[in-house]
């Protein structure tokens, strides 16, 4: 992001599967007042919003951000710095497509206007290796 985001009135969506009112949702968004990455995890038993301790990602540099969960832990990792919480939200499932840069294809959207270079989504065994490291090298 190359411009100050503190004046934005919404939380631009970088990637998500599902929407707020769905039974399950996973979402990565920008918290504009401090330019931090947020991850929302909503499952069958609870919902949790986690905000990265890394702020100022609107500095014009490239940043790596990951939302992840494993064994009762939720996390957001920005530039190698983990912010975690012990929480179980239950199963996360919905029938919506995974979207990058906006929550829908309609005009009602919290569109992310920055640049996104690479998006990966991994589940199951080994998913943590992909999500915590970023792009695997051959």
C-alpha atoms as a PDB file:
ATOM      1  CA  UNK A   1       0.000   0.000   0.000  1.00  0.00           C
ATOM      2  CA  UNK A   2       1.572   3.242  -1.053  1.00  0.00           C
ATOM      3  CA  UNK A   3      -0.633   5.785   0.671  1.00  0.00           C
ATOM      4  CA  UNK A   4      -1.781   6.671   4.170  1.00  0.00           C
ATOM      5  CA  UNK A   5      -4.823   4.541   5.021  1.00  0.00           C
ATOM      6  CA  UNK A   6      -5.816   6.249   8.279  1.00  0.00           C
ATOM      7  CA  UNK A   7      -8.668   8.163   6.636  1.00  0.00           C
ATOM      8  CA  UNK A   8     -10.464   5.114   5.231  1.00  0.00           C
ATOM      9  CA  UNK A   9     -13.903   4.422   6.682  1.00  0.00           C
ATOM     10  CA  UNK A  10     -14.074   0.706   5.902  1.00  0.00           C
ATOM     11  CA  UNK A  11     -11.800  -2.308   6.324  1.00  0.00           C
ATOM     12  CA  UNK A  12     -10.573  -3.232   2.838  1.00  0.00           C
ATOM     13  CA  UNK A  13     -10.643  -6.966   2.136  1.00  0.00           C
ATOM     14  CA  UNK A  14      -7.480  -8.581   0.815  1.00  0.00           C
ATOM     15  CA  UNK A  15      -8.799 -12.159   0.630  1.00  0.00           C
ATOM     16  CA  UNK A  16     -11.788 -14.015   1.997  1.00  0.00           C
ATOM     17  CA  UNK A  17     -13.984 -17.058   1.789  1.00  0.00           C
ATOM     18  CA  UNK A  18     -17.497 -16.390   2.993  1.00  0.00           C
ATOM     19  CA  UNK A  19     -19.171 -13.267   4.268  1.00  0.00           C
ATOM     20  CA  UNK A  20     -19.909 -11.871   7.730  1.00  0.00           C
ATOM     21  CA  UNK A  21     -23.376 -13.434   8.084  1.00  0.00           C
ATOM     22  CA  UNK A  22     -22.390 -16.867   6.760  1.00  0.00           C
ATOM     23  CA  UNK A  23     -22.081 -19.906   9.042  1.00  0.00           C
ATOM     24  CA  UNK A  24     -18.326 -19.936   8.387  1.00  0.00           C
ATOM     25  CA  UNK A  25     -15.887 -17.310   7.173  1.00  0.00           C
ATOM     26  CA  UNK A  26     -12.160 -16.788   6.798  1.00  0.00           C
ATOM     27  CA  UNK A  27     -11.001 -13.280   5.943  1.00  0.00           C
ATOM     28  CA  UNK A  28      -7.862 -11.137   5.712  1.00  0.00           C
ATOM     29  CA  UNK A  29      -8.463  -7.404   5.806  1.00  0.00           C
ATOM     30  CA  UNK A  30      -6.693  -4.125   6.499  1.00  0.00           C
ATOM     31  CA  UNK A  31      -7.321  -2.196   9.729  1.00  0.00           C
ATOM     32  CA  UNK A  32      -6.788   1.233   8.194  1.00  0.00           C
ATOM     33  CA  UNK A  33      -6.371   3.474  11.266  1.00  0.00           C
ATOM     34  CA  UNK A  34      -3.042   1.791  12.114  1.00  0.00           C
ATOM     35  CA  UNK A  35      -2.424   0.022   8.765  1.00  0.00           C
ATOM     36  CA  UNK A  36      -2.390  -3.442  10.346  1.00  0.00           C
ATOM     37  CA  UNK A  37      -3.491  -6.773   8.904  1.00  0.00           C
ATOM     38  CA  UNK A  38      -6.506  -8.427  10.515  1.00  0.00           C
ATOM     39  CA  UNK A  39      -7.718 -12.010  10.219  1.00  0.00           C
ATOM     40  CA  UNK A  40     -11.290 -13.029  10.963  1.00  0.00           C
ATOM     41  CA  UNK A  41     -12.077 -16.645  11.725  1.00  0.00           C
ATOM     42  CA  UNK A  42     -15.753 -17.583  12.094  1.00  0.00           C
ATOM     43  CA  UNK A  43     -16.711 -21.173  12.635  1.00  0.00           C
ATOM     44  CA  UNK A  44     -19.552 -23.255  13.980  1.00  0.00           C
ATOM     45  CA  UNK A  45     -18.856 -22.344  17.628  1.00  0.00           C
ATOM     46  CA  UNK A  46     -17.390 -18.816  17.672  1.00  0.00           C
ATOM     47  CA  UNK A  47     -15.899 -15.926  15.729  1.00  0.00           C
ATOM     48  CA  UNK A  48     -12.598 -14.194  16.432  1.00  0.00           C
ATOM     49  CA  UNK A  49     -10.903 -11.137  14.917  1.00  0.00           C
ATOM     50  CA  UNK A  50      -7.136 -11.012  15.369  1.00  0.00           C
ATOM     51  CA  UNK A  51      -5.058  -7.887  14.611  1.00  0.00           C
ATOM     52  CA  UNK A  52      -1.355  -8.051  13.801  1.00  0.00           C
ATOM     53  CA  UNK A  53       1.055  -6.324  16.155  1.00  0.00           C
ATOM     54  CA  UNK A  54       2.886  -5.124  13.028  1.00  0.00           C
ATOM     55  CA  UNK A  55       1.476  -1.774  11.908  1.00  0.00           C
ATOM     56  CA  UNK A  56       2.298   0.730   9.204  1.00  0.00           C
ATOM     57  CA  UNK A  57       1.975  -1.612   6.222  1.00  0.00           C
ATOM     58  CA  UNK A  58       0.879   1.407   4.157  1.00  0.00           C
ATOM     59  CA  UNK A  59       4.523   2.442   3.750  1.00  0.00           C
ATOM     60  CA  UNK A  60       4.896   1.598   0.051  1.00  0.00           C
ATOM     61  CA  UNK A  61       7.021  -1.514   0.704  1.00  0.00           C
ATOM     62  CA  UNK A  62       6.058  -5.141   0.022  1.00  0.00           C
ATOM     63  CA  UNK A  63       4.852  -7.120   3.041  1.00  0.00           C
ATOM     64  CA  UNK A  64       4.043 -10.790   3.584  1.00  0.00           C
ATOM     65  CA  UNK A  65       0.878 -11.564   5.561  1.00  0.00           C
ATOM     66  CA  UNK A  66      -0.662 -14.885   6.562  1.00  0.00           C
ATOM     67  CA  UNK A  67      -3.814 -15.878   8.424  1.00  0.00           C
ATOM     68  CA  UNK A  68      -3.542 -19.331   9.962  1.00  0.00           C
ATOM     69  CA  UNK A  69      -4.980 -21.696  12.551  1.00  0.00           C
ATOM     70  CA  UNK A  70      -3.678 -24.926  14.015  1.00  0.00           C
ATOM     71  CA  UNK A  71      -4.438 -27.021  17.109  1.00  0.00           C
ATOM     72  CA  UNK A  72      -6.478 -24.419  19.011  1.00  0.00           C
ATOM     73  CA  UNK A  73      -4.274 -21.509  17.930  1.00  0.00           C
ATOM     74  CA  UNK A  74      -5.270 -18.658  15.637  1.00  0.00           C
ATOM     75  CA  UNK A  75      -2.660 -16.418  14.130  1.00  0.00           C
ATOM     76  CA  UNK A  76      -1.777 -13.586  11.839  1.00  0.00           C
ATOM     77  CA  UNK A  77       1.836 -13.351  10.705  1.00  0.00           C
ATOM     78  CA  UNK A  78       3.152 -10.190   9.076  1.00  0.00           C
ATOM     79  CA  UNK A  79       6.746 -10.004   7.883  1.00  0.00           C
ATOM     80  CA  UNK A  80       7.656 -12.984  10.082  1.00  0.00           C
ATOM     81  CA  UNK A  81       6.109 -11.555  13.278  1.00  0.00           C
ATOM     82  CA  UNK A  82       3.376 -13.767  14.778  1.00  0.00           C
ATOM     83  CA  UNK A  83       0.370 -12.465  16.664  1.00  0.00           C
ATOM     84  CA  UNK A  84      -1.531 -15.396  18.162  1.00  0.00           C
ATOM     85  CA  UNK A  85      -4.498 -16.273  20.322  1.00  0.00           C
ATOM     86  CA  UNK A  86      -5.592 -19.525  21.895  1.00  0.00           C
ATOM     87  CA  UNK A  87      -9.078 -20.097  20.541  1.00  0.00           C
ATOM     88  CA  UNK A  88     -11.250 -22.729  18.935  1.00  0.00           C
ATOM     89  CA  UNK A  89     -13.899 -21.414  16.546  1.00  0.00           C
ATOM     90  CA  UNK A  90     -15.116 -24.772  15.258  1.00  0.00           C
ATOM     91  CA  UNK A  91     -15.370 -25.831  11.641  1.00  0.00           C
ATOM     92  CA  UNK A  92     -15.107 -23.115   8.999  1.00  0.00           C
ATOM     93  CA  UNK A  93     -17.076 -23.995   5.882  1.00  0.00           C
ATOM     94  CA  UNK A  94     -19.308 -22.237   3.363  1.00  0.00           C
ATOM     95  CA  UNK A  95     -20.254 -22.568  -0.290  1.00  0.00           C
ATOM     96  CA  UNK A  96     -18.954 -19.203  -1.463  1.00  0.00           C
ATOM     97  CA  UNK A  97     -15.895 -18.864  -3.700  1.00  0.00           C
ATOM     98  CA  UNK A  98     -12.615 -17.555  -2.317  1.00  0.00           C
ATOM     99  CA  UNK A  99     -12.160 -13.957  -3.463  1.00  0.00           C
ATOM    100  CA  UNK A 100      -9.124 -11.703  -3.600  1.00  0.00           C
ATOM    101  CA  UNK A 101      -9.374  -7.933  -3.215  1.00  0.00           C
ATOM    102  CA  UNK A 102     -13.108  -7.650  -2.448  1.00  0.00           C
ATOM    103  CA  UNK A 103     -15.920  -9.458  -0.646  1.00  0.00           C
ATOM    104  CA  UNK A 104     -18.182  -9.721  -3.683  1.00  0.00           C
ATOM    105  CA  UNK A 105     -18.535  -8.876  -7.335  1.00  0.00           C
ATOM    106  CA  UNK A 106     -21.274  -6.325  -6.580  1.00  0.00           C
ATOM    107  CA  UNK A 107     -20.992  -2.607  -5.986  1.00  0.00           C
ATOM    108  CA  UNK A 108     -21.398  -3.193  -2.224  1.00  0.00           C
ATOM    109  CA  UNK A 109     -17.841  -4.092  -1.337  1.00  0.00           C
ATOM    110  CA  UNK A 110     -14.901  -3.243   0.928  1.00  0.00           C
ATOM    111  CA  UNK A 111     -12.502  -3.297  -1.995  1.00  0.00           C
ATOM    112  CA  UNK A 112      -8.754  -3.405  -1.361  1.00  0.00           C
ATOM    113  CA  UNK A 113      -7.094  -0.846  -3.636  1.00  0.00           C
ATOM    114  CA  UNK A 114      -3.461  -1.783  -2.976  1.00  0.00           C
ATOM    115  CA  UNK A 115      -1.418  -4.329  -4.874  1.00  0.00           C
ATOM    116  CA  UNK A 116      -1.470  -8.062  -4.136  1.00  0.00           C
ATOM    117  CA  UNK A 117       1.323 -10.134  -5.651  1.00  0.00           C
ATOM    118  CA  UNK A 118       0.586 -13.695  -4.513  1.00  0.00           C
ATOM    119  CA  UNK A 119      -2.231 -15.517  -2.719  1.00  0.00           C
ATOM    120  CA  UNK A 120      -2.103 -19.123  -1.485  1.00  0.00           C
ATOM    121  CA  UNK A 121      -4.703 -21.123   0.394  1.00  0.00           C
ATOM    122  CA  UNK A 122      -3.671 -24.376   2.052  1.00  0.00           C
ATOM    123  CA  UNK A 123      -5.484 -26.881   4.271  1.00  0.00           C
ATOM    124  CA  UNK A 124      -4.632 -30.201   5.877  1.00  0.00           C
ATOM    125  CA  UNK A 125      -1.264 -31.769   6.639  1.00  0.00           C
ATOM    126  CA  UNK A 126       1.613 -29.487   5.656  1.00  0.00           C
ATOM    127  CA  UNK A 127      -0.584 -26.404   5.309  1.00  0.00           C
ATOM    128  CA  UNK A 128       1.347 -24.672   8.076  1.00  0.00           C
ATOM    129  CA  UNK A 129       4.580 -25.083   6.152  1.00  0.00           C
ATOM    130  CA  UNK A 130       3.086 -23.301   3.152  1.00  0.00           C
ATOM    131  CA  UNK A 131       1.302 -20.567   5.057  1.00  0.00           C
ATOM    132  CA  UNK A 132       4.100 -19.701   7.482  1.00  0.00           C
ATOM    133  CA  UNK A 133       6.910 -19.741   4.906  1.00  0.00           C
ATOM    134  CA  UNK A 134       5.094 -18.319   1.933  1.00  0.00           C
ATOM    135  CA  UNK A 135       5.809 -19.619  -1.522  1.00  0.00           C
ATOM    136  CA  UNK A 136       7.609 -22.972  -1.402  1.00  0.00           C
ATOM    137  CA  UNK A 137      10.830 -23.113  -3.372  1.00  0.00           C
ATOM    138  CA  UNK A 138      11.363 -26.004  -5.797  1.00  0.00           C
END
